[in-house]
């Protein structure tokens, strides 16, 4: 569903006061997790304002606090955790220029194939084919949308207290992982690559696109074998009861209007995404049943 449609649904839900409903049945101690992709230079000021607003409404926690609290089932109050997808250089710049200003530590989910890219041409080709799934033309991409981080920059983020986890190897859809070779390349190898690079255990994963439209429960079963957490792209609140393999994340574009972020934080879209999460889990379950019933 297009972002404009989602925003219209959110505005309608808010007008109907639906954003109050989640507060009636969800645990008050919860975490919202944002995710951001590219950031244009002219949007950095707006992103700074968004971060400042979000942190005025919720307590910022580090990735380590999130994982520890989730395992202990002890979230405290209304919290927020920031994440970035795709391993773009513009995300690195935002961390250095904005997150550091507020002493915020984030999670960066990266497709490990970016570590093999050496030139701008290779980065642009990767972005067109893998990040944008051939829906964008090379000439239409700005540098912030295709320049990727290198090993040194990932290590720099890690040394500053951020966490780095896989976003598959080639930024593929989960439904395209159909055999053990695909599992090795897209799920297992990225884990080993980042473990060797950073010298720490890699136990979290986020899959590209992050919705029910790209799900493969065959791949999901392999994710569960190799990771302790899996992050989706479906918005909402995370509580201690949230399934750790279906964690909610709210999309936060750098050019997002403040009113949209307000609606997000107030839960205006939560009922819609609870429905989407229900679809995601059902699709995964159905595919999983067929896969194993056939002995695959």
Protein backbone atom coordinates (compact mmCIF):
# COMPACT_ATOMS: atom_id res chain seq x y z
CA UNK A 1 0.00 0.00 0.00
CA UNK A 2 1.30 3.44 -0.93
CA UNK A 3 2.48 5.75 1.82
CA UNK A 4 -0.05 8.45 0.90
CA UNK A 5 -2.89 5.97 1.37
CA UNK A 6 -1.50 4.90 4.73
CA UNK A 7 -1.32 8.52 5.85
CA UNK A 8 -4.93 9.09 4.81
CA UNK A 9 -5.97 6.01 6.77
CA UNK A 10 -4.06 7.32 9.78
CA UNK A 11 -5.73 10.72 9.58
CA UNK A 12 -9.14 9.05 9.30
CA UNK A 13 -8.41 6.79 12.28
CA UNK A 14 -7.28 9.78 14.31
CA UNK A 15 -10.42 11.74 13.46
CA UNK A 16 -12.43 8.74 14.66
CA UNK A 17 -10.28 8.63 17.84
CA UNK A 18 -9.03 5.13 17.00
CA UNK A 19 -5.59 6.08 18.27
CA UNK A 20 -6.97 5.80 21.82
CA UNK A 21 -7.94 2.14 21.38
CA UNK A 22 -4.46 0.57 21.61
CA UNK A 23 -3.96 2.30 24.94
CA UNK A 24 -6.93 0.39 26.31
CA UNK A 25 -5.54 -3.10 25.76
CA UNK A 26 -1.79 -2.79 25.29
CA UNK A 27 0.81 -2.78 28.03
CA UNK A 28 1.73 0.76 29.09
CA UNK A 29 5.40 -0.21 29.22
CA UNK A 30 6.30 -0.44 25.55
CA UNK A 31 8.80 0.42 22.84
CA UNK A 32 8.26 1.98 19.44
CA UNK A 33 11.02 1.29 16.91
CA UNK A 34 11.56 3.58 13.94
CA UNK A 35 13.37 2.75 10.72
CA UNK A 36 14.83 5.15 8.19
CA UNK A 37 16.37 4.67 4.76
CA UNK A 38 18.16 7.40 2.79
CA UNK A 39 18.41 10.98 3.99
CA UNK A 40 18.81 13.85 1.53
CA UNK A 41 21.05 16.67 2.71
CA UNK A 42 18.19 19.17 2.57
CA UNK A 43 16.12 16.93 4.87
CA UNK A 44 18.66 16.69 7.68
CA UNK A 45 17.19 19.69 9.47
CA UNK A 46 13.72 18.17 9.32
CA UNK A 47 15.04 14.82 10.51
CA UNK A 48 16.72 16.58 13.41
CA UNK A 49 13.36 18.13 14.32
CA UNK A 50 11.66 14.73 14.08
CA UNK A 51 14.24 13.12 16.35
CA UNK A 52 13.94 15.97 18.83
CA UNK A 53 10.14 15.66 18.87
CA UNK A 54 10.19 11.88 19.24
CA UNK A 55 12.65 12.05 22.11
CA UNK A 56 10.48 14.65 23.85
CA UNK A 57 7.58 12.18 23.81
CA UNK A 58 9.41 8.96 24.57
CA UNK A 59 12.53 7.87 26.43
CA UNK A 60 15.34 6.87 24.08
CA UNK A 61 16.88 3.48 24.78
CA UNK A 62 19.98 1.87 23.35
CA UNK A 63 19.83 -1.33 21.31
CA UNK A 64 21.44 -3.22 24.19
CA UNK A 65 18.83 -1.96 26.64
CA UNK A 66 16.09 -3.03 24.23
CA UNK A 67 17.42 -6.57 23.87
CA UNK A 68 18.15 -6.95 27.58
CA UNK A 69 14.73 -5.59 28.57
CA UNK A 70 12.96 -7.81 26.05
CA UNK A 71 14.69 -10.91 27.35
CA UNK A 72 13.92 -9.94 30.94
CA UNK A 73 10.35 -8.89 29.99
CA UNK A 74 10.81 -5.60 31.79
CA UNK A 75 10.20 -2.56 29.59
CA UNK A 76 9.96 0.66 31.57
CA UNK A 77 7.52 3.35 30.40
CA UNK A 78 7.15 4.59 26.83
CA UNK A 79 10.45 4.14 25.00
CA UNK A 80 11.79 4.57 21.49
CA UNK A 81 14.59 2.89 19.55
CA UNK A 82 15.96 4.17 16.23
CA UNK A 83 17.06 1.91 13.36
CA UNK A 84 18.29 2.39 9.79
CA UNK A 85 18.07 0.04 6.80
CA UNK A 86 20.12 -0.66 3.66
CA UNK A 87 23.60 0.43 4.79
CA UNK A 88 23.52 3.77 3.00
CA UNK A 89 26.22 6.35 3.53
CA UNK A 90 23.57 8.99 4.18
CA UNK A 91 22.48 6.97 7.24
CA UNK A 92 26.05 7.02 8.50
CA UNK A 93 26.18 10.80 8.03
CA UNK A 94 22.90 11.22 9.92
CA UNK A 95 24.30 9.20 12.80
CA UNK A 96 27.41 11.35 12.95
CA UNK A 97 25.63 14.69 12.49
CA UNK A 98 22.32 14.19 14.31
CA UNK A 99 22.17 11.09 16.50
CA UNK A 100 25.48 11.97 18.13
CA UNK A 101 24.00 15.36 19.09
CA UNK A 102 21.46 13.58 21.27
CA UNK A 103 23.75 10.71 22.29
CA UNK A 104 21.41 8.26 20.54
CA UNK A 105 22.62 4.76 19.71
CA UNK A 106 20.83 3.01 16.85
CA UNK A 107 20.71 -0.28 14.98
CA UNK A 108 21.87 -0.42 11.37
CA UNK A 109 20.52 -3.31 9.29
CA UNK A 110 22.80 -3.74 6.27
CA UNK A 111 22.83 -6.03 3.23
CA UNK A 112 26.35 -7.43 3.51
CA UNK A 113 26.89 -7.32 -0.24
CA UNK A 114 27.65 -3.63 0.19
CA UNK A 115 31.01 -4.68 1.62
CA UNK A 116 31.93 -5.99 -1.84
CA UNK A 117 31.12 -2.75 -3.66
CA UNK A 118 34.13 -0.65 -4.61
CA UNK A 119 32.96 2.04 -7.02
CA UNK A 120 30.04 4.42 -7.33
CA UNK A 121 29.00 2.60 -10.48
CA UNK A 122 28.77 -0.69 -8.59
CA UNK A 123 26.84 0.98 -5.78
CA UNK A 124 24.35 2.53 -8.18
CA UNK A 125 23.83 -0.77 -10.01
CA UNK A 126 23.29 -2.54 -6.69
CA UNK A 127 20.79 0.09 -5.59
CA UNK A 128 18.79 -0.11 -8.81
CA UNK A 129 18.65 -3.91 -8.90
CA UNK A 130 18.57 -4.83 -5.24
CA UNK A 131 17.43 -1.93 -3.06
CA UNK A 132 14.81 -0.56 -5.47
CA UNK A 133 14.06 -3.86 -7.25
CA UNK A 134 14.42 -2.25 -10.70
CA UNK A 135 11.58 0.19 -10.00
CA UNK A 136 13.98 3.13 -10.27
CA UNK A 137 16.18 4.20 -13.16
CA UNK A 138 19.87 4.91 -12.59
CA UNK A 139 19.54 8.51 -13.75
CA UNK A 140 16.82 9.17 -11.15
CA UNK A 141 18.95 8.25 -8.14
CA UNK A 142 20.73 10.83 -6.06
CA UNK A 143 23.93 9.91 -4.27
CA UNK A 144 22.19 9.73 -0.90
CA UNK A 145 20.04 6.92 -2.31
CA UNK A 146 22.82 4.64 -3.53
CA UNK A 147 26.21 5.41 -1.94
CA UNK A 148 26.83 2.71 0.68
CA UNK A 149 28.97 2.39 3.76
CA UNK A 150 32.28 0.53 3.78
CA UNK A 151 33.85 -1.71 6.42
CA UNK A 152 35.61 1.14 8.16
CA UNK A 153 32.40 3.12 8.58
CA UNK A 154 30.50 0.13 9.94
CA UNK A 155 33.28 -0.52 12.43
CA UNK A 156 33.27 3.17 13.36
CA UNK A 157 29.53 3.04 14.12
CA UNK A 158 30.00 -0.14 16.14
CA UNK A 159 32.85 1.40 18.15
CA UNK A 160 30.61 4.38 18.96
CA UNK A 161 28.00 2.09 20.51
CA UNK A 162 25.65 1.45 17.61
CA UNK A 163 24.76 -2.11 16.58
CA UNK A 164 25.07 -3.62 13.10
CA UNK A 165 22.92 -6.55 11.97
CA UNK A 166 22.06 -8.27 8.66
CA UNK A 167 19.42 -7.18 6.17
CA UNK A 168 20.10 -10.35 4.10
CA UNK A 169 23.18 -10.40 1.88
CA UNK A 170 21.81 -9.03 -1.38
CA UNK A 171 18.71 -7.22 -0.07
CA UNK A 172 16.50 -9.98 -1.44
CA UNK A 173 12.85 -10.73 -0.72
CA UNK A 174 12.36 -13.62 1.70
CA UNK A 175 10.07 -15.37 -0.75
CA UNK A 176 13.02 -15.63 -3.17
CA UNK A 177 14.96 -17.81 -0.72
CA UNK A 178 13.86 -21.28 -1.80
CA UNK A 179 16.68 -23.69 -0.99
CA UNK A 180 19.62 -24.34 1.33
CA UNK A 181 21.97 -22.48 -0.99
CA UNK A 182 19.80 -19.38 -0.72
CA UNK A 183 19.64 -19.76 3.06
CA UNK A 184 23.40 -20.00 3.27
CA UNK A 185 23.92 -16.91 1.12
CA UNK A 186 21.17 -14.63 2.44
CA UNK A 187 20.74 -15.64 6.11
CA UNK A 188 23.77 -17.51 7.43
CA UNK A 189 26.65 -15.92 5.56
CA UNK A 190 25.68 -12.32 6.52
CA UNK A 191 25.68 -13.36 10.17
CA UNK A 192 29.16 -14.84 9.86
CA UNK A 193 30.44 -11.86 7.86
CA UNK A 194 29.39 -9.29 10.45
CA UNK A 195 30.55 -11.48 13.33
CA UNK A 196 34.01 -11.67 11.79
CA UNK A 197 34.06 -7.95 11.03
CA UNK A 198 32.85 -6.72 14.42
CA UNK A 199 33.99 -9.50 16.72
CA UNK A 200 30.61 -9.94 18.42
CA UNK A 201 27.60 -12.21 18.27
CA UNK A 202 25.03 -11.32 15.63
CA UNK A 203 21.59 -12.34 16.87
CA UNK A 204 19.12 -9.96 15.16
CA UNK A 205 17.86 -9.69 11.61
CA UNK A 206 15.53 -7.46 9.55
CA UNK A 207 14.16 -8.58 6.21
CA UNK A 208 13.85 -6.17 3.24
CA UNK A 209 10.44 -4.56 2.64
CA UNK A 210 9.27 -6.14 5.89
CA UNK A 211 5.63 -6.86 5.00
CA UNK A 212 3.43 -9.87 4.32
CA UNK A 213 3.94 -9.33 0.57
CA UNK A 214 7.49 -10.69 0.62
CA UNK A 215 7.27 -13.44 3.24
CA UNK A 216 8.54 -16.98 2.97
CA UNK A 217 8.06 -19.11 6.05
CA UNK A 218 10.75 -21.44 4.75
CA UNK A 219 13.16 -18.55 5.14
CA UNK A 220 11.48 -17.52 8.40
CA UNK A 221 12.13 -20.95 9.88
CA UNK A 222 15.81 -20.54 9.00
CA UNK A 223 15.90 -17.07 10.52
CA UNK A 224 14.59 -18.54 13.77
CA UNK A 225 17.35 -21.15 13.73
CA UNK A 226 20.07 -18.53 13.38
CA UNK A 227 18.78 -15.41 15.17
CA UNK A 228 17.01 -14.49 18.39
CA UNK A 229 15.13 -11.49 16.95
CA UNK A 230 13.57 -10.54 13.62
CA UNK A 231 12.34 -7.03 12.81
CA UNK A 232 9.55 -6.34 10.31
CA UNK A 233 8.51 -3.17 8.50
CA UNK A 234 5.06 -3.05 10.07
CA UNK A 235 4.38 -0.26 12.52
CA UNK A 236 3.10 -0.49 16.05
CA UNK A 237 3.99 -0.87 19.70
CA UNK A 238 6.26 -3.60 21.02
CA UNK A 239 5.57 -4.99 24.48
CA UNK A 240 7.05 -7.87 26.44
CA UNK A 241 4.35 -10.05 24.87
CA UNK A 242 5.32 -9.20 21.29
CA UNK A 243 6.65 -12.15 19.30
CA UNK A 244 10.38 -11.54 19.06
CA UNK A 245 10.36 -12.72 15.43
CA UNK A 246 7.63 -10.27 14.44
CA UNK A 247 8.82 -7.00 15.95
CA UNK A 248 7.01 -3.84 14.87
CA UNK A 249 8.84 -0.89 13.31
CA UNK A 250 7.44 2.51 12.30
CA UNK A 251 8.75 3.98 9.05
CA UNK A 252 10.35 7.39 9.61
CA UNK A 253 11.40 9.10 6.38
CA UNK A 254 13.72 12.06 6.78
CA UNK A 255 11.16 14.32 5.08
CA UNK A 256 8.20 13.08 7.15
CA UNK A 257 5.79 15.78 8.30
CA UNK A 258 5.75 16.35 12.05
CA UNK A 259 1.99 15.70 12.06
CA UNK A 260 2.57 12.24 10.60
CA UNK A 261 5.13 11.43 13.29
CA UNK A 262 2.70 12.69 15.93
CA UNK A 263 -0.01 10.41 14.54
CA UNK A 264 2.45 7.52 14.54
CA UNK A 265 3.54 8.03 18.13
CA UNK A 266 -0.07 8.41 19.25
CA UNK A 267 -1.01 5.11 17.65
CA UNK A 268 -3.21 6.37 14.81
CA UNK A 269 -1.93 3.68 12.46
CA UNK A 270 -1.63 0.84 14.96
CA UNK A 271 -4.93 -0.89 14.23
CA UNK A 272 -4.12 -0.94 10.52
CA UNK A 273 -0.70 -2.46 11.16
CA UNK A 274 -2.06 -4.98 13.65
CA UNK A 275 -4.20 -6.23 10.79
CA UNK A 276 -1.15 -6.30 8.49
CA UNK A 277 0.82 -8.21 11.13
CA UNK A 278 -2.03 -10.70 11.40
CA UNK A 279 -1.77 -11.23 7.63
CA UNK A 280 2.00 -11.61 7.85
CA UNK A 281 1.78 -14.29 10.51
CA UNK A 282 -0.99 -16.15 8.69
CA UNK A 283 0.83 -16.12 5.37
CA UNK A 284 3.98 -17.39 7.08
CA UNK A 285 2.04 -20.15 8.82
CA UNK A 286 0.23 -21.25 5.64
CA UNK A 287 3.38 -21.35 3.55
CA UNK A 288 5.21 -23.14 6.33
CA UNK A 289 2.52 -25.84 6.48
CA UNK A 290 2.67 -26.45 2.74
CA UNK A 291 6.45 -26.49 2.68
CA UNK A 292 6.89 -29.11 5.36
CA UNK A 293 3.86 -31.13 4.33
CA UNK A 294 5.57 -31.66 0.99
CA UNK A 295 8.80 -32.65 2.70
CA UNK A 296 10.65 -29.58 1.40
